[in-house]
Amino acid sequence: MNYINNQLLKFEIDPTFAGYLSIIIMILFIAVICIVANFITKKVVIRVITHIVKNNKFTWDTVLLERRVFHKLSHFVPAIIIYYFASTFPSYQKLIEKSAIAYLIIMGLMVMNSLLNAINDIYQTYDISKVKPIKGYIQVINIIVITLGVILVIANLVGKSPLVFLSGIGALSAVLMLVFKDSLLGLVAGIQLASNDMVRVGDWIEMPKYGANGDIIDISLNTVKVQNFDKTITMIPSYVMISDSFINWRGMQTSGGRRIKRSLFIDINSISFCTEEMIKKFSTIDILSDHIIEREREIAEYNTKNDINRSNPVNGRALTNIGVFRAYISNYIQHHPGINQEMSLMVRQLEPTEHGLPLEIYAFSNDIRWAVYESVQADIFDHLFAVAQEFGIRLFQNPSGHDLKMIVDEPKREVMKYRD
């Protein structure tokens, strides 16, 4: 700058004005150098790096490019230039140097943040990321880095050792624990969730207390993000996944079968012994014919062996319409293409209630997709609702308006019939 000032004085310019003018010229000169350096860095160096990244077989460097790690590194160049030109302004040298260093630290924090996010993105390209997510740990490291960076910036600006500020953190530990309570709880919860393999990205969970019923799309330090089936998003604090109960449907999804557990309610008054006509009719049903023949043989042998008088149907053993219907349902679901035959399968009676006798179907579909599962389940019960009357079985339901109307109109029909 002295050289510029001396050159201006040769033109017989006022020394004071020449001093100010030389400062302005020097500032402009430094600004031009910074602009040119920044231009070269971004337009030349970054383009070369981008070309190299896009034309190699690696994928991790593409993630670094997408996270703009190289672009943020380019901001270091102007700050370094300003730092080395600080001696040009002796009166403001320390202030300029401290400002440049503070800027470099801040940009370093931004680079570290982008780098950590890039590491998480790279990790998520591997299948293990769904089992062991590291986003929470990345966020903890990020918090530590930012905290240290802020301490370094403050220490640089006030001219004190960073150790002085670090020693003061102990006195503020109680305040820090209060401020970062959720983060600390989330960190502990994240470690437990990962180590115990309680949840993974992609798991279907159900947590009615928080209105969550859908797939986990993200696990972070503080929250677990769930996309519900109605496409809404529920944010659940990580630590409540440890303290509260929830349902994880992963076991069902990995088993290859989804449970069907639903009952038909039978009107108990419609249950009866099978007559000869009924047995003959049931024998014509393809999936029941072998069962009827076998059961009839067993019953005849038992009754003959025990010399039972069959003039009264109460004596000995006999087929009932509910038993034949139960056998029909069992054979029907065993031959249904939508049922997984390698998993539990049964048709059982539950304890009678005021709604009748529950006849429960317990089986598993061979497709876990929701729409397919519901279709299989509906297909089975559509058929059973329609076929029940063929066995003399009435299904229970509370009287509807139509039923009450029929009861009211019955005396009128009787009167009209009598008049005719």
Protein backbone atom coordinates (compact mmCIF):
# COMPACT_ATOMS: atom_id res chain seq x y z
CA MET A 1 0.00 0.00 0.00
CA ASN A 2 2.99 2.31 0.59
CA TYR A 3 3.95 1.82 -3.04
CA ILE A 4 0.51 2.97 -4.17
CA ASN A 5 0.65 5.95 -1.80
CA ASN A 6 4.08 7.00 -3.15
CA GLN A 7 2.86 6.76 -6.72
CA LEU A 8 -0.14 8.98 -5.91
CA LEU A 9 2.11 11.58 -4.25
CA LYS A 10 4.08 11.90 -7.49
CA PHE A 11 0.94 13.43 -9.00
CA GLU A 12 1.10 16.16 -6.30
CA ILE A 13 -2.07 14.88 -4.59
CA ASP A 14 -2.75 15.96 -1.02
CA PRO A 15 -1.02 13.45 1.31
CA THR A 16 -4.15 12.90 3.44
CA PHE A 17 -6.32 12.35 0.39
CA ALA A 18 -3.60 10.16 -1.15
CA GLY A 19 -3.60 8.00 2.01
CA TYR A 20 -7.36 7.45 1.85
CA LEU A 21 -7.25 6.87 -1.90
CA SER A 22 -4.46 4.30 -1.56
CA ILE A 23 -6.56 2.40 1.03
CA ILE A 24 -9.55 2.37 -1.32
CA ILE A 25 -7.40 1.21 -4.23
CA MET A 26 -5.87 -1.53 -2.07
CA ILE A 27 -9.31 -2.70 -0.92
CA LEU A 28 -10.49 -2.80 -4.53
CA PHE A 29 -7.36 -4.68 -5.52
CA ILE A 30 -7.89 -7.30 -2.82
CA ALA A 31 -11.58 -7.55 -3.79
CA VAL A 32 -10.63 -8.12 -7.45
CA ILE A 33 -8.14 -10.84 -6.44
CA CYS A 34 -10.80 -12.52 -4.28
CA ILE A 35 -13.36 -12.37 -7.07
CA VAL A 36 -10.92 -13.76 -9.62
CA ALA A 37 -9.78 -16.51 -7.22
CA ASN A 38 -13.39 -17.38 -6.40
CA PHE A 39 -14.27 -17.41 -10.11
CA ILE A 40 -11.34 -19.69 -10.95
CA THR A 41 -12.18 -21.99 -8.06
CA LYS A 42 -15.88 -22.33 -8.89
CA LYS A 43 -15.85 -22.13 -12.66
CA VAL A 44 -12.67 -24.06 -13.34
CA VAL A 45 -11.65 -26.24 -10.39
CA ILE A 46 -15.21 -27.22 -9.37
CA ARG A 47 -16.11 -27.99 -12.99
CA VAL A 48 -13.06 -30.21 -13.33
CA ILE A 49 -13.93 -32.00 -10.09
CA THR A 50 -17.56 -32.38 -11.24
CA HIS A 51 -16.43 -33.87 -14.55
CA ILE A 52 -14.13 -36.34 -12.77
CA VAL A 53 -16.87 -37.32 -10.29
CA LYS A 54 -19.50 -37.91 -12.95
CA ASN A 55 -17.21 -40.00 -15.11
CA ASN A 56 -15.91 -42.53 -12.61
CA LYS A 57 -17.47 -45.73 -11.25
CA PHE A 58 -17.70 -44.59 -7.63
CA THR A 59 -20.97 -43.31 -6.13
CA TRP A 60 -19.77 -41.82 -2.85
CA ASP A 61 -18.11 -38.84 -4.53
CA THR A 62 -21.38 -38.11 -6.36
CA VAL A 63 -23.06 -37.76 -2.96
CA LEU A 64 -20.33 -35.32 -1.87
CA LEU A 65 -21.04 -33.32 -5.01
CA GLU A 66 -24.80 -33.32 -4.39
CA ARG A 67 -24.26 -32.15 -0.82
CA ARG A 68 -22.10 -29.30 -2.24
CA VAL A 69 -19.07 -30.16 -0.11
CA PHE A 70 -16.64 -29.02 -2.84
CA HIS A 71 -18.60 -25.82 -3.47
CA LYS A 72 -18.43 -24.86 0.21
CA LEU A 73 -14.71 -25.59 0.29
CA SER A 74 -14.26 -22.96 -2.44
CA HIS A 75 -15.26 -20.25 0.08
CA PHE A 76 -11.99 -20.83 1.91
CA VAL A 77 -9.96 -19.21 -0.87
CA PRO A 78 -11.17 -15.57 -0.50
CA ALA A 79 -10.86 -15.77 3.30
CA ILE A 80 -7.28 -17.01 3.08
CA ILE A 81 -6.40 -14.20 0.67
CA ILE A 82 -7.93 -11.58 2.99
CA TYR A 83 -6.05 -13.07 5.96
CA TYR A 84 -2.69 -12.79 4.22
CA PHE A 85 -3.38 -9.23 3.07
CA ALA A 86 -4.37 -8.16 6.60
CA SER A 87 -0.83 -6.88 7.27
CA THR A 88 -1.45 -4.26 4.58
CA PHE A 89 -3.70 -2.45 7.09
CA PRO A 90 -1.62 -2.32 10.31
CA SER A 91 -4.28 -0.44 12.28
CA TYR A 92 -6.94 -3.07 11.54
CA GLN A 93 -4.68 -6.10 11.08
CA LYS A 94 -5.84 -8.01 14.17
CA LEU A 95 -9.51 -7.30 13.51
CA ILE A 96 -9.21 -8.44 9.88
CA GLU A 97 -7.28 -11.57 10.86
CA LYS A 98 -9.80 -12.49 13.57
CA SER A 99 -12.71 -11.90 11.19
CA ALA A 100 -11.07 -14.03 8.50
CA ILE A 101 -10.36 -16.84 10.96
CA ALA A 102 -13.94 -16.67 12.30
CA TYR A 103 -15.23 -16.89 8.73
CA LEU A 104 -12.96 -19.87 8.02
CA ILE A 105 -14.23 -21.65 11.16
CA ILE A 106 -17.86 -20.99 10.22
CA MET A 107 -17.30 -22.27 6.70
CA GLY A 108 -15.47 -25.26 8.17
CA LEU A 109 -18.57 -26.01 10.25
CA MET A 110 -20.74 -25.83 7.13
CA VAL A 111 -18.36 -28.16 5.29
CA MET A 112 -18.41 -30.61 8.22
CA ASN A 113 -22.21 -30.49 8.31
CA SER A 114 -22.44 -31.26 4.60
CA LEU A 115 -19.78 -33.97 4.92
CA LEU A 116 -21.62 -35.68 7.79
CA ASN A 117 -24.89 -35.55 5.85
CA ALA A 118 -23.09 -37.02 2.84
CA ILE A 119 -21.74 -39.85 5.02
CA ASN A 120 -25.30 -40.60 6.16
CA ASP A 121 -26.53 -40.54 2.54
CA ILE A 122 -23.77 -42.93 1.47
CA TYR A 123 -24.54 -45.24 4.40
CA GLN A 124 -28.24 -45.30 3.47
CA THR A 125 -27.37 -46.83 0.10
CA TYR A 126 -26.52 -50.06 1.95
CA ASP A 127 -29.18 -52.48 3.19
CA ILE A 128 -27.77 -52.45 6.71
CA SER A 129 -28.92 -48.82 7.08
CA LYS A 130 -32.51 -50.05 7.46
CA VAL A 131 -31.47 -52.26 10.37
CA LYS A 132 -28.86 -49.97 11.97
CA PRO A 133 -29.56 -46.30 11.08
CA ILE A 134 -26.80 -43.85 12.03
CA LYS A 135 -28.65 -40.58 11.48
CA GLY A 136 -29.02 -40.05 15.24
CA TYR A 137 -25.28 -40.54 15.80
CA ILE A 138 -24.50 -38.20 12.90
CA GLN A 139 -26.68 -35.53 14.51
CA VAL A 140 -24.90 -35.98 17.86
CA ILE A 141 -21.51 -35.53 16.16
CA ASN A 142 -22.90 -32.50 14.37
CA ILE A 143 -24.02 -30.94 17.66
CA ILE A 144 -20.58 -31.55 19.20
CA VAL A 145 -18.80 -30.09 16.16
CA ILE A 146 -21.03 -26.99 16.10
CA THR A 147 -20.57 -26.47 19.86
CA LEU A 148 -16.78 -26.67 19.53
CA GLY A 149 -16.89 -24.42 16.47
CA VAL A 150 -18.89 -21.74 18.30
CA ILE A 151 -16.41 -21.90 21.21
CA LEU A 152 -13.49 -21.49 18.78
CA VAL A 153 -15.15 -18.50 17.08
CA ILE A 154 -15.85 -16.75 20.39
CA ALA A 155 -12.36 -17.55 21.72
CA ASN A 156 -10.82 -16.17 18.53
CA LEU A 157 -12.82 -12.94 18.62
CA VAL A 158 -12.13 -12.18 22.30
CA GLY A 159 -8.52 -13.38 22.11
CA LYS A 160 -8.81 -16.02 24.83
CA SER A 161 -7.84 -19.69 24.89
CA PRO A 162 -10.68 -22.08 23.98
CA LEU A 163 -9.82 -24.06 27.13
CA VAL A 164 -11.16 -21.18 29.22
CA PHE A 165 -14.57 -21.54 27.63
CA LEU A 166 -14.44 -25.34 27.74
CA SER A 167 -13.79 -25.21 31.49
CA GLY A 168 -16.86 -23.01 31.87
CA ILE A 169 -19.08 -25.62 30.24
CA GLY A 170 -18.86 -27.71 33.44
CA ALA A 171 -20.55 -24.92 35.37
CA LEU A 172 -23.26 -24.74 32.71
CA SER A 173 -23.82 -28.50 32.57
CA ALA A 174 -27.18 -28.27 34.34
CA VAL A 175 -28.38 -25.62 31.90
CA LEU A 176 -27.06 -27.61 28.94
CA MET A 177 -28.81 -30.77 30.16
CA LEU A 178 -32.07 -28.82 30.34
CA VAL A 179 -31.61 -27.28 26.89
CA PHE A 180 -30.53 -30.54 25.25
CA LYS A 181 -32.84 -32.81 27.29
CA ASP A 182 -34.69 -34.16 24.24
CA SER A 183 -31.45 -34.70 22.35
CA LEU A 184 -29.86 -36.62 25.22
CA LEU A 185 -32.98 -38.74 25.72
CA GLY A 186 -33.13 -39.28 21.96
CA LEU A 187 -29.48 -40.35 21.89
CA VAL A 188 -30.00 -42.96 24.61
CA ALA A 189 -33.25 -44.12 22.97
CA GLY A 190 -31.58 -44.32 19.56
CA ILE A 191 -28.83 -46.56 20.95
CA GLN A 192 -31.42 -48.85 22.57
CA LEU A 193 -33.61 -48.94 19.47
CA ALA A 194 -30.63 -49.85 17.29
CA SER A 195 -29.00 -52.35 19.65
CA ASN A 196 -32.29 -54.17 20.33
CA ASP A 197 -33.41 -53.94 16.69
CA MET A 198 -36.79 -52.60 17.81
CA VAL A 199 -37.58 -50.53 14.72
CA ARG A 200 -36.15 -50.09 11.26
CA VAL A 201 -36.83 -47.75 8.38
CA GLY A 202 -39.67 -49.35 6.40
CA ASP A 203 -41.28 -51.08 9.40
CA TRP A 204 -45.05 -50.83 9.76
CA ILE A 205 -45.77 -49.72 13.33
CA GLU A 206 -48.98 -48.93 15.15
CA MET A 207 -49.01 -46.53 18.11
CA PRO A 208 -52.60 -45.36 18.77
CA LYS A 209 -51.56 -43.01 21.60
CA TYR A 210 -49.76 -40.81 19.06
CA GLY A 211 -52.11 -41.47 16.14
CA ALA A 212 -49.43 -43.42 14.26
CA ASN A 213 -50.35 -46.31 11.98
CA GLY A 214 -48.06 -46.64 8.99
CA ASP A 215 -44.50 -47.06 7.75
CA ILE A 216 -41.39 -45.56 9.35
CA ILE A 217 -39.69 -43.33 6.79
CA ASP A 218 -36.98 -41.75 8.95
CA ILE A 219 -35.26 -42.31 12.32
CA SER A 220 -33.34 -39.31 13.64
CA LEU A 221 -31.86 -38.20 16.95
CA ASN A 222 -35.06 -36.72 18.37
CA THR A 223 -37.90 -38.17 16.32
CA VAL A 224 -39.18 -41.18 14.46
CA LYS A 225 -41.11 -40.10 11.36
CA VAL A 226 -44.10 -42.28 10.43
CA GLN A 227 -46.07 -41.94 7.21
CA ASN A 228 -49.60 -43.10 8.02
CA PHE A 229 -51.71 -44.99 5.50
CA ASP A 230 -53.77 -41.84 4.87
CA LYS A 231 -50.47 -40.20 3.78
CA THR A 232 -50.30 -37.94 6.84
CA ILE A 233 -47.04 -37.73 8.78
CA THR A 234 -46.74 -38.42 12.51
CA MET A 235 -43.63 -37.37 14.41
CA ILE A 236 -42.97 -39.54 17.48
CA PRO A 237 -40.25 -38.60 20.01
CA SER A 238 -37.56 -41.28 19.96
CA TYR A 239 -37.54 -41.78 23.71
CA VAL A 240 -41.27 -42.67 23.88
CA MET A 241 -40.52 -45.69 21.67
CA ILE A 242 -38.68 -47.01 24.74
CA SER A 243 -41.10 -45.88 27.46
CA ASP A 244 -44.43 -46.59 25.69
CA SER A 245 -45.71 -49.70 23.94
CA PHE A 246 -46.27 -50.00 20.21
CA ILE A 247 -46.99 -52.72 17.66
CA ASN A 248 -44.35 -53.56 15.06
CA TRP A 249 -45.79 -55.59 12.17
CA ARG A 250 -42.37 -56.57 10.82
CA GLY A 251 -42.77 -60.15 12.03
CA MET A 252 -45.91 -60.52 9.96
CA GLN A 253 -44.25 -58.96 6.93
CA THR A 254 -41.23 -61.27 7.08
CA SER A 255 -43.27 -64.42 7.81
CA GLY A 256 -44.90 -64.42 4.38
CA GLY A 257 -48.42 -64.68 5.78
CA ARG A 258 -50.97 -62.29 7.25
CA ARG A 259 -53.39 -63.56 9.86
CA ILE A 260 -57.11 -63.97 9.24
CA LYS A 261 -58.97 -64.20 12.55
CA ARG A 262 -62.68 -63.59 12.13
CA SER A 263 -65.84 -65.31 13.34
CA LEU A 264 -69.22 -66.27 11.92
CA PHE A 265 -71.94 -65.94 14.57
CA ILE A 266 -74.31 -68.89 14.34
CA ASP A 267 -77.91 -68.71 15.54
CA ILE A 268 -77.91 -71.54 18.12
CA ASN A 269 -81.58 -72.31 17.40
CA SER A 270 -80.61 -73.42 13.88
CA ILE A 271 -78.22 -76.14 15.10
CA SER A 272 -79.65 -79.67 14.72
CA PHE A 273 -78.87 -83.33 14.02
CA CYS A 274 -78.50 -84.23 10.35
CA THR A 275 -81.39 -86.12 8.77
CA GLU A 276 -80.95 -88.80 6.11
CA GLU A 277 -81.94 -86.27 3.46
CA MET A 278 -79.37 -83.78 4.74
CA ILE A 279 -76.61 -86.42 4.79
CA LYS A 280 -77.48 -87.45 1.24
CA LYS A 281 -77.37 -83.81 0.16
CA PHE A 282 -74.05 -83.14 1.91
CA SER A 283 -72.52 -86.24 0.28
CA THR A 284 -72.91 -84.58 -3.12
CA ILE A 285 -70.61 -81.70 -2.10
CA ASP A 286 -67.20 -82.44 -3.62
CA ILE A 287 -64.97 -81.30 -0.76
CA LEU A 288 -67.26 -82.95 1.82
CA SER A 289 -68.06 -86.34 0.27
CA ASP A 290 -65.00 -88.15 1.65
CA HIS A 291 -65.49 -86.59 5.06
CA ILE A 292 -69.16 -87.62 5.21
CA ILE A 293 -68.37 -91.22 4.18
CA GLU A 294 -65.57 -91.49 6.74
CA ARG A 295 -67.60 -89.95 9.56
CA GLU A 296 -70.66 -92.07 8.79
CA ARG A 297 -68.50 -95.21 8.90
CA GLU A 298 -66.96 -94.22 12.25
CA ILE A 299 -70.35 -93.36 13.77
CA ALA A 300 -71.94 -96.62 12.52
CA GLU A 301 -69.07 -98.69 13.95
CA TYR A 302 -69.29 -96.92 17.30
CA ASN A 303 -73.05 -97.26 17.58
CA THR A 304 -72.96 -100.93 16.53
CA LYS A 305 -70.12 -101.75 18.89
CA ASN A 306 -71.97 -100.18 21.81
CA ASP A 307 -75.38 -101.60 20.79
CA ILE A 308 -76.99 -98.15 20.79
CA ASN A 309 -80.69 -97.73 20.01
CA ARG A 310 -80.84 -95.15 17.23
CA SER A 311 -84.63 -94.79 17.30
CA ASN A 312 -83.97 -91.74 19.44
CA PRO A 313 -81.37 -89.39 17.88
CA VAL A 314 -80.17 -88.43 21.35
CA ASN A 315 -78.68 -91.87 21.79
CA GLY A 316 -75.16 -92.56 20.53
CA ARG A 317 -73.30 -90.47 18.04
CA ALA A 318 -74.68 -88.61 15.03
CA LEU A 319 -73.69 -85.90 12.58
CA THR A 320 -74.84 -82.35 13.25
CA ASN A 321 -75.26 -79.60 10.71
CA ILE A 322 -72.86 -77.33 12.63
CA GLY A 323 -70.20 -80.08 12.66
CA VAL A 324 -70.58 -80.70 8.93
CA PHE A 325 -70.50 -76.96 8.29
CA ARG A 326 -67.31 -76.65 10.36
CA ALA A 327 -65.72 -79.49 8.37
CA TYR A 328 -66.80 -77.82 5.13
CA ILE A 329 -65.17 -74.51 6.14
CA SER A 330 -61.95 -76.32 7.11
CA ASN A 331 -61.77 -78.17 3.77
CA TYR A 332 -62.71 -75.01 1.88
CA ILE A 333 -59.87 -72.89 3.30
CA GLN A 334 -57.43 -75.79 2.89
CA HIS A 335 -58.16 -75.72 -0.83
CA HIS A 336 -58.29 -71.92 -1.15
CA PRO A 337 -55.42 -70.58 -3.33
CA GLY A 338 -55.05 -67.46 -1.19
CA ILE A 339 -54.33 -69.31 2.07
CA ASN A 340 -50.82 -70.21 3.25
CA GLN A 341 -51.06 -73.96 3.92
CA GLU A 342 -47.73 -74.09 5.78
CA MET A 343 -48.93 -71.86 8.64
CA SER A 344 -51.54 -72.39 11.36
CA LEU A 345 -55.00 -73.17 10.03
CA MET A 346 -58.09 -74.08 12.03
CA VAL A 347 -61.82 -73.60 12.39
CA ARG A 348 -62.90 -73.54 16.03
CA GLN A 349 -65.90 -72.84 18.24
CA LEU A 350 -65.60 -70.10 20.81
CA GLU A 351 -67.70 -69.58 23.91
CA PRO A 352 -71.33 -68.79 23.02
CA THR A 353 -72.42 -65.21 23.58
CA GLU A 354 -75.67 -63.25 23.39
CA HIS A 355 -74.91 -62.94 19.68
CA GLY A 356 -74.86 -66.70 19.11
CA LEU A 357 -72.12 -69.29 18.69
CA PRO A 358 -68.86 -67.82 17.29
CA LEU A 359 -67.32 -70.09 14.66
CA GLU A 360 -63.85 -68.64 14.23
CA ILE A 361 -61.60 -69.02 11.21
CA TYR A 362 -57.92 -68.82 12.08
CA ALA A 363 -55.59 -68.91 9.07
CA PHE A 364 -52.95 -66.89 7.21
CA SER A 365 -53.08 -65.45 3.72
CA ASN A 366 -50.10 -66.22 1.49
CA ASP A 367 -49.75 -62.56 0.45
CA ILE A 368 -49.08 -59.82 3.01
CA ARG A 369 -50.12 -56.95 0.75
CA TRP A 370 -53.03 -55.16 2.36
CA ALA A 371 -55.31 -55.07 -0.68
CA VAL A 372 -54.67 -58.72 -1.54
CA TYR A 373 -55.15 -59.79 2.08
CA GLU A 374 -58.50 -57.99 2.34
CA SER A 375 -59.58 -59.46 -1.00
CA VAL A 376 -58.77 -63.02 0.13
CA GLN A 377 -60.54 -62.53 3.44
CA ALA A 378 -63.62 -61.02 1.79
CA ASP A 379 -63.70 -63.78 -0.82
CA ILE A 380 -63.79 -66.48 1.89
CA PHE A 381 -66.53 -64.85 3.94
CA ASP A 382 -68.60 -63.89 0.89
CA HIS A 383 -68.78 -67.58 0.08
CA LEU A 384 -69.50 -68.69 3.66
CA PHE A 385 -72.29 -66.15 4.18
CA ALA A 386 -73.96 -67.43 1.02
CA VAL A 387 -73.44 -71.16 1.66
CA ALA A 388 -74.42 -71.30 5.36
CA GLN A 389 -78.13 -71.73 4.60
CA GLU A 390 -77.35 -74.84 2.53
CA PHE A 391 -76.46 -76.54 5.82
CA GLY A 392 -79.59 -75.37 7.59
CA ILE A 393 -77.50 -72.81 9.45
CA ARG A 394 -78.78 -69.33 10.22
CA LEU A 395 -76.24 -66.57 10.85
CA PHE A 396 -77.04 -64.25 13.72
CA GLN A 397 -77.67 -60.55 13.37
CA ASN A 398 -79.68 -58.09 15.39
CA PRO A 399 -83.18 -57.39 13.97
CA SER A 400 -83.13 -54.77 11.24
CA GLY A 401 -85.92 -52.40 10.26
CA HIS A 402 -86.98 -54.85 7.57
CA ASP A 403 -87.29 -57.66 10.12
CA LEU A 404 -89.46 -55.52 12.42
CA LYS A 405 -91.63 -54.49 9.49
CA MET A 406 -92.16 -58.15 8.57
CA ILE A 407 -93.24 -58.91 12.15
CA VAL A 408 -95.73 -56.03 12.12
CA ASP A 409 -97.09 -56.95 8.68
CA GLU A 410 -97.48 -60.68 9.43
CA PRO A 411 -100.88 -60.33 11.24
CA LYS A 412 -102.17 -58.22 8.38
CA ARG A 413 -101.21 -60.91 5.86
CA GLU A 414 -102.96 -63.55 7.99
CA VAL A 415 -106.14 -61.45 8.10
CA MET A 416 -106.11 -60.90 4.35
CA LYS A 417 -105.58 -64.64 3.80
CA TYR A 418 -108.52 -65.46 6.11
CA ARG A 419 -110.78 -63.02 4.24
CA ASP A 420 -109.87 -64.56 0.91
